[in-house]
């Protein structure tokens, strides 16, 4: 598929549509007029596996700082705080996900979007730059995953 780039995650592939931009915290951003819709990249979804709980700790609308904690997520593989990928104005959350976050697992680049915001100059990467970023962090990620698996034994 020429409209996306692929990153090999061991035996799995993560695809990144080239019509999106990507944050270093593994969210995609799709610029839509003056707004940006954010969601989890295929890389994040693959690492999380089966998201089953999502909670926001801020209300929309509100002003956000870059890297401000905005929520919490739980999945089969991880529990994690969520942080804003950019400074700007949070406009709205995907309300459907609060009742049932499985769209994150099934359609991360579509119905699984997380929130929309306005941001003047978000620190986002192109799909190609994001793949290079993943290549740099993949070795550390694998060690972390193996360490967590060994702790579970």
Protein backbone atom coordinates (compact mmCIF):
# COMPACT_ATOMS: atom_id res chain seq x y z
CA UNK A 1 0.00 0.00 0.00
CA UNK A 2 1.73 3.16 -1.20
CA UNK A 3 -0.37 5.51 0.94
CA UNK A 4 1.26 4.23 4.13
CA UNK A 5 4.67 3.35 5.53
CA UNK A 6 5.42 0.15 7.42
CA UNK A 7 7.53 -0.44 10.53
CA UNK A 8 8.37 -4.04 11.45
CA UNK A 9 7.73 -4.78 15.11
CA UNK A 10 9.24 -8.25 15.30
CA UNK A 11 6.75 -10.53 13.54
CA UNK A 12 4.13 -7.78 13.37
CA UNK A 13 3.83 -4.75 11.12
CA UNK A 14 2.64 -1.29 12.09
CA UNK A 15 1.28 0.84 9.23
CA UNK A 16 1.34 4.62 9.21
CA UNK A 17 -0.84 6.51 6.72
CA UNK A 18 1.22 9.21 5.05
CA UNK A 19 -1.72 11.66 5.15
CA UNK A 20 -1.17 12.02 8.91
CA UNK A 21 1.52 13.50 11.12
CA UNK A 22 2.87 11.77 14.22
CA UNK A 23 3.84 12.80 17.73
CA UNK A 24 6.75 11.26 19.62
CA UNK A 25 4.22 10.02 22.20
CA UNK A 26 2.82 7.70 19.51
CA UNK A 27 -0.28 9.60 18.53
CA UNK A 28 -1.21 10.49 14.98
CA UNK A 29 -2.52 13.90 14.08
CA UNK A 30 -4.70 14.64 11.09
CA UNK A 31 -4.94 18.32 10.23
CA UNK A 32 -8.52 19.21 9.32
CA UNK A 33 -8.82 22.92 8.55
CA UNK A 34 -7.79 24.74 11.73
CA UNK A 35 -8.20 21.64 13.90
CA UNK A 36 -6.12 18.53 14.48
CA UNK A 37 -7.72 15.18 15.23
CA UNK A 38 -5.49 12.89 17.32
CA UNK A 39 -5.50 9.14 17.87
CA UNK A 40 -3.09 6.34 18.75
CA UNK A 41 -0.64 5.21 16.06
CA UNK A 42 -0.60 1.55 14.99
CA UNK A 43 2.65 1.23 16.97
CA UNK A 44 0.93 2.30 20.20
CA UNK A 45 -2.10 0.10 19.55
CA UNK A 46 0.15 -2.92 18.92
CA UNK A 47 2.09 -2.33 22.14
CA UNK A 48 -1.05 -1.71 24.21
CA UNK A 49 -3.10 -4.63 22.82
CA UNK A 50 -6.82 -4.65 23.55
CA UNK A 51 -7.60 -1.27 25.09
CA UNK A 52 -10.53 -1.72 27.47
CA UNK A 53 -10.59 1.44 29.61
CA UNK A 54 -10.15 5.12 28.82
CA UNK A 55 -10.64 8.07 31.14
CA UNK A 56 -9.98 11.78 30.64
CA UNK A 57 -8.73 13.94 33.53
CA UNK A 58 -9.48 17.27 31.80
CA UNK A 59 -12.68 18.64 30.35
CA UNK A 60 -13.26 19.97 26.88
CA UNK A 61 -12.97 22.75 26.01
CA UNK A 62 -9.80 23.69 27.86
CA UNK A 63 -6.29 25.03 27.28
CA UNK A 64 -3.52 22.40 27.28
CA UNK A 65 0.23 22.61 27.65
CA UNK A 66 2.41 20.26 25.61
CA UNK A 67 3.01 17.04 27.59
CA UNK A 68 0.24 17.92 30.08
CA UNK A 69 -1.43 14.84 31.54
CA UNK A 70 -4.90 14.58 30.05
CA UNK A 71 -6.08 11.08 30.88
CA UNK A 72 -5.44 7.43 31.60
CA UNK A 73 -5.70 4.22 29.58
CA UNK A 74 -5.74 0.53 30.49
CA UNK A 75 -5.23 -2.39 28.16
CA UNK A 76 -4.31 -6.04 28.17
CA UNK A 77 -0.59 -5.15 28.22
CA UNK A 78 -0.30 -1.76 29.92
CA UNK A 79 -1.69 0.97 32.11
CA UNK A 80 -0.56 4.42 31.15
CA UNK A 81 -1.14 8.10 31.66
CA UNK A 82 -1.96 10.04 28.50
CA UNK A 83 -0.31 13.34 27.66
CA UNK A 84 -1.15 16.10 25.21
CA UNK A 85 1.03 15.90 22.08
CA UNK A 86 0.90 19.69 21.65
CA UNK A 87 0.04 22.95 23.36
CA UNK A 88 -3.30 24.37 22.31
CA UNK A 89 -7.02 24.35 22.85
CA UNK A 90 -8.70 21.01 23.46
CA UNK A 91 -12.01 21.17 21.60
CA UNK A 92 -13.70 17.80 22.03
CA UNK A 93 -13.23 14.15 22.92
CA UNK A 94 -14.54 11.18 20.96
CA UNK A 95 -17.45 10.51 23.32
CA UNK A 96 -18.13 7.06 21.84
CA UNK A 97 -14.82 5.80 23.23
CA UNK A 98 -15.80 6.54 26.83
CA UNK A 99 -18.64 4.03 26.61
CA UNK A 100 -16.68 1.52 24.52
CA UNK A 101 -12.99 2.09 23.67
CA UNK A 102 -12.72 -0.98 21.41
CA UNK A 103 -12.74 1.25 18.30
CA UNK A 104 -9.15 2.12 19.29
CA UNK A 105 -8.23 -1.53 18.68
CA UNK A 106 -10.37 -2.03 15.58
CA UNK A 107 -10.08 1.28 13.70
CA UNK A 108 -7.27 3.37 15.21
CA UNK A 109 -7.08 5.72 12.21
CA UNK A 110 -10.85 6.10 11.86
CA UNK A 111 -13.55 5.69 14.52
CA UNK A 112 -10.87 5.15 17.19
CA UNK A 113 -9.75 8.81 17.19
CA UNK A 114 -9.26 10.26 20.68
CA UNK A 115 -9.70 14.04 20.64
CA UNK A 116 -9.57 17.20 18.56
CA UNK A 117 -7.69 20.39 19.33
CA UNK A 118 -6.37 23.60 17.84
CA UNK A 119 -2.60 24.02 18.04
CA UNK A 120 -0.58 26.79 16.40
CA UNK A 121 2.63 24.86 15.73
CA UNK A 122 2.36 21.27 16.95
CA UNK A 123 5.68 19.37 17.19
CA UNK A 124 4.63 16.65 14.76
CA UNK A 125 6.67 14.42 12.46
CA UNK A 126 5.90 13.23 8.95
CA UNK A 127 5.23 9.50 8.60
CA UNK A 128 8.80 9.01 7.29
CA UNK A 129 10.30 10.95 10.22
CA UNK A 130 8.16 8.93 12.65
CA UNK A 131 9.45 5.63 11.23
CA UNK A 132 13.03 6.88 11.72
CA UNK A 133 12.11 7.84 15.30
CA UNK A 134 10.71 4.32 15.89
CA UNK A 135 13.88 2.74 14.53
CA UNK A 136 15.83 4.67 17.15
CA UNK A 137 13.60 3.69 20.10
CA UNK A 138 12.67 0.13 19.06
CA UNK A 139 15.63 -1.58 20.75
CA UNK A 140 14.85 0.07 24.11
CA UNK A 141 11.16 -0.76 23.67
CA UNK A 142 11.95 -4.44 23.08
CA UNK A 143 14.09 -4.59 26.23
CA UNK A 144 11.29 -2.97 28.23
CA UNK A 145 8.72 -5.43 26.87
CA UNK A 146 10.97 -8.42 27.62
CA UNK A 147 11.61 -7.09 31.14
CA UNK A 148 7.86 -6.80 31.78
CA UNK A 149 7.30 -10.31 30.45
CA UNK A 150 10.03 -11.67 32.72
CA UNK A 151 8.49 -9.91 35.74
CA UNK A 152 5.16 -11.60 34.98
CA UNK A 153 6.75 -15.08 35.06
